[in-house]
C-alpha atoms as a PDB file:
ATOM      1  CA  MET A   1     -34.162   2.248 -42.549  1.00  0.00           C
ATOM      2  CA  LYS A   2     -36.077  -0.843 -41.389  1.00  0.00           C
ATOM      3  CA  LYS A   3     -33.290  -1.703 -38.979  1.00  0.00           C
ATOM      4  CA  GLN A   4     -33.485   1.782 -37.428  1.00  0.00           C
ATOM      5  CA  ILE A   5     -37.277   1.481 -36.946  1.00  0.00           C
ATOM      6  CA  GLY A   6     -36.774  -1.876 -35.215  1.00  0.00           C
ATOM      7  CA  VAL A   7     -34.200  -0.387 -32.850  1.00  0.00           C
ATOM      8  CA  THR A   8     -36.477   2.567 -32.104  1.00  0.00           C
ATOM      9  CA  LYS A   9     -39.341   0.215 -31.278  1.00  0.00           C
ATOM     10  CA  ARG A  10     -37.125  -1.806 -28.935  1.00  0.00           C
ATOM     11  CA  ILE A  11     -35.949   1.348 -27.178  1.00  0.00           C
ATOM     12  CA  ALA A  12     -39.563   2.494 -26.802  1.00  0.00           C
ATOM     13  CA  TRP A  13     -40.485  -0.882 -25.267  1.00  0.00           C
ATOM     14  CA  VAL A  14     -37.570  -0.743 -22.844  1.00  0.00           C
ATOM     15  CA  VAL A  15     -38.547   2.769 -21.762  1.00  0.00           C
ATOM     16  CA  ALA A  16     -42.212   1.764 -21.374  1.00  0.00           C
ATOM     17  CA  LEU A  17     -41.347  -1.311 -19.311  1.00  0.00           C
ATOM     18  CA  THR A  18     -38.944   0.653 -17.139  1.00  0.00           C
ATOM     19  CA  LEU A  19     -41.601   3.292 -16.450  1.00  0.00           C
ATOM     20  CA  SER A  20     -44.197   0.641 -15.661  1.00  0.00           C
ATOM     21  CA  PHE A  21     -41.901  -0.694 -12.936  1.00  0.00           C
ATOM     22  CA  LEU A  22     -40.849   2.715 -11.612  1.00  0.00           C
ATOM     23  CA  LEU A  23     -44.247   4.439 -11.320  1.00  0.00           C
ATOM     24  CA  PRO A  24     -45.637   2.098  -8.642  1.00  0.00           C
ATOM     25  CA  THR A  25     -42.366   2.475  -6.723  1.00  0.00           C
ATOM     26  CA  VAL A  26     -42.709   6.256  -6.776  1.00  0.00           C
ATOM     27  CA  ALA A  27     -46.251   5.966  -5.418  1.00  0.00           C
ATOM     28  CA  TYR A  28     -45.054   3.625  -2.655  1.00  0.00           C
ATOM     29  CA  ALA A  29     -42.582   6.294  -1.602  1.00  0.00           C
ATOM     30  CA  LEU A  30     -45.501   8.692  -1.268  1.00  0.00           C
ATOM     31  CA  SER A  31     -46.601   9.202   2.319  1.00  0.00           C
ATOM     32  CA  VAL A  32     -50.203   9.622   3.418  1.00  0.00           C
ATOM     33  CA  GLY A  33     -49.497  13.274   4.220  1.00  0.00           C
ATOM     34  CA  GLU A  34     -48.068  13.900   0.767  1.00  0.00           C
ATOM     35  CA  ALA A  35     -50.996  12.111  -0.850  1.00  0.00           C
ATOM     36  CA  LYS A  36     -53.406  14.331   1.104  1.00  0.00           C
ATOM     37  CA  GLN A  37     -51.496  17.496   0.144  1.00  0.00           C
ATOM     38  CA  ARG A  38     -51.596  16.522  -3.522  1.00  0.00           C
ATOM     39  CA  GLY A  39     -55.340  15.859  -3.319  1.00  0.00           C
ATOM     40  CA  LEU A  40     -54.953  12.182  -4.174  1.00  0.00           C
ATOM     41  CA  VAL A  41     -56.698  10.908  -1.039  1.00  0.00           C
ATOM     42  CA  THR A  42     -59.193  12.145   1.517  1.00  0.00           C
ATOM     43  CA  GLU A  43     -60.368  11.029   4.943  1.00  0.00           C
ATOM     44  CA  THR A  44     -63.802   9.465   5.352  1.00  0.00           C
ATOM     45  CA  SER A  45     -66.174  10.057   8.248  1.00  0.00           C
ATOM     46  CA  ARG A  46     -65.229   6.573   9.503  1.00  0.00           C
ATOM     47  CA  GLY A  47     -61.509   7.322   9.883  1.00  0.00           C
ATOM     48  CA  TYR A  48     -60.278   5.670   6.706  1.00  0.00           C
ATOM     49  CA  LEU A  49     -58.668   6.945   3.521  1.00  0.00           C
ATOM     50  CA  ARG A  50     -60.424   7.124   0.170  1.00  0.00           C
ATOM     51  CA  VAL A  51     -58.804   7.617  -3.235  1.00  0.00           C
ATOM     52  CA  LYS A  52     -59.806  10.924  -4.842  1.00  0.00           C
ATOM     53  CA  LYS A  53     -57.530  10.895  -7.875  1.00  0.00           C
ATOM     54  CA  GLY A  54     -56.108   7.780  -9.425  1.00  0.00           C
ATOM     55  CA  MET A  55     -52.367   7.376  -9.758  1.00  0.00           C
ATOM     56  CA  PRO A  56     -50.353   4.163  -9.865  1.00  0.00           C
ATOM     57  CA  GLY A  57     -49.853   2.829  -6.366  1.00  0.00           C
ATOM     58  CA  VAL A  58     -52.241   5.188  -4.554  1.00  0.00           C
ATOM     59  CA  GLY A  59     -54.852   2.448  -4.203  1.00  0.00           C
ATOM     60  CA  GLN A  60     -52.229   0.205  -2.620  1.00  0.00           C
ATOM     61  CA  LEU A  61     -51.166   2.983  -0.243  1.00  0.00           C
ATOM     62  CA  VAL A  62     -54.808   3.463   0.779  1.00  0.00           C
ATOM     63  CA  SER A  63     -55.370  -0.290   1.218  1.00  0.00           C
ATOM     64  CA  ARG A  64     -52.268  -0.739   3.387  1.00  0.00           C
ATOM     65  CA  THR A  65     -53.038   2.339   5.468  1.00  0.00           C
ATOM     66  CA  ASN A  66     -56.676   1.398   5.973  1.00  0.00           C
ATOM     67  CA  ALA A  67     -55.766  -2.165   6.990  1.00  0.00           C
ATOM     68  CA  ALA A  68     -53.299  -0.837   9.563  1.00  0.00           C
ATOM     69  CA  ARG A  69     -55.831   1.686  10.843  1.00  0.00           C
ATOM     70  CA  LYS A  70     -58.552  -0.940  11.163  1.00  0.00           C
ATOM     71  CA  GLN A  71     -56.238  -3.170  13.176  1.00  0.00           C
ATOM     72  CA  LYS A  72     -55.369  -0.270  15.487  1.00  0.00           C
ATOM     73  CA  TYR A  73     -59.040   0.725  15.807  1.00  0.00           C
ATOM     74  CA  ARG A  74     -59.895  -2.866  16.781  1.00  0.00           C
ATOM     75  CA  GLU A  75     -57.209  -2.833  19.481  1.00  0.00           C
ATOM     76  CA  ILE A  76     -58.526   0.457  20.859  1.00  0.00           C
ATOM     77  CA  ALA A  77     -62.147  -0.753  20.767  1.00  0.00           C
ATOM     78  CA  LYS A  78     -61.198  -3.928  22.611  1.00  0.00           C
ATOM     79  CA  LYS A  79     -59.241  -1.979  25.230  1.00  0.00           C
ATOM     80  CA  LEU A  80     -62.102   0.493  25.765  1.00  0.00           C
ATOM     81  CA  LYS A  81     -64.748  -2.254  25.514  1.00  0.00           C
ATOM     82  CA  VAL A  82     -66.720  -0.396  22.857  1.00  0.00           C
ATOM     83  CA  ASP A  83     -67.906  -1.283  19.381  1.00  0.00           C
ATOM     84  CA  LEU A  84     -65.461  -0.819  16.487  1.00  0.00           C
ATOM     85  CA  SER A  85     -67.875   1.625  14.837  1.00  0.00           C
ATOM     86  CA  VAL A  86     -67.567   3.985  17.830  1.00  0.00           C
ATOM     87  CA  VAL A  87     -63.781   4.152  17.465  1.00  0.00           C
ATOM     88  CA  GLU A  88     -64.034   4.566  13.674  1.00  0.00           C
ATOM     89  CA  ARG A  89     -66.518   7.432  14.054  1.00  0.00           C
ATOM     90  CA  ASP A  90     -64.387   9.189  16.672  1.00  0.00           C
ATOM     91  CA  PHE A  91     -61.227   8.942  14.594  1.00  0.00           C
ATOM     92  CA  GLY A  92     -63.161  10.084  11.538  1.00  0.00           C
ATOM     93  CA  LYS A  93     -64.053  13.273  13.411  1.00  0.00           C
ATOM     94  CA  LYS A  94     -60.492  13.769  14.689  1.00  0.00           C
ATOM     95  CA  LEU A  95     -58.893  13.219  11.306  1.00  0.00           C
ATOM     96  CA  GLY A  96     -61.220  15.833   9.848  1.00  0.00           C
ATOM     97  CA  ARG A  97     -63.239  14.768   6.916  1.00  0.00           C
ATOM     98  CA  PRO A  98     -63.223  17.674   4.421  1.00  0.00           C
END
C-alpha cells in the first residue's frame, strides 16, 4: 500500500511539472488577436496592451508586444519629427481603447 502511494505521488509530481512547462508554451502560442478575443488583454489610450485577466504567459506576451510597439512608435516619431507621446496617442485612438 505504501509503495502504491509513493508511485502515485511521483506520477502527480511528473504531471504537475509537465503542466508547469506546457502552460507558458500554450500562452506563447497565443496571438494578440486571440488574447483580445478571449478578454485577456485590452488596448490602452496610449497604444499599448494591458493585461485584463491573468493567465500564464500573457504578461510576457504583453511585455514583448509593448516593447516592439514602443520601438516602432519611436521610429515613426523620429521620421515625422514629433514627440513619442503624439504617436502613442494617435495609435491608441486607432487601436480603439474599449
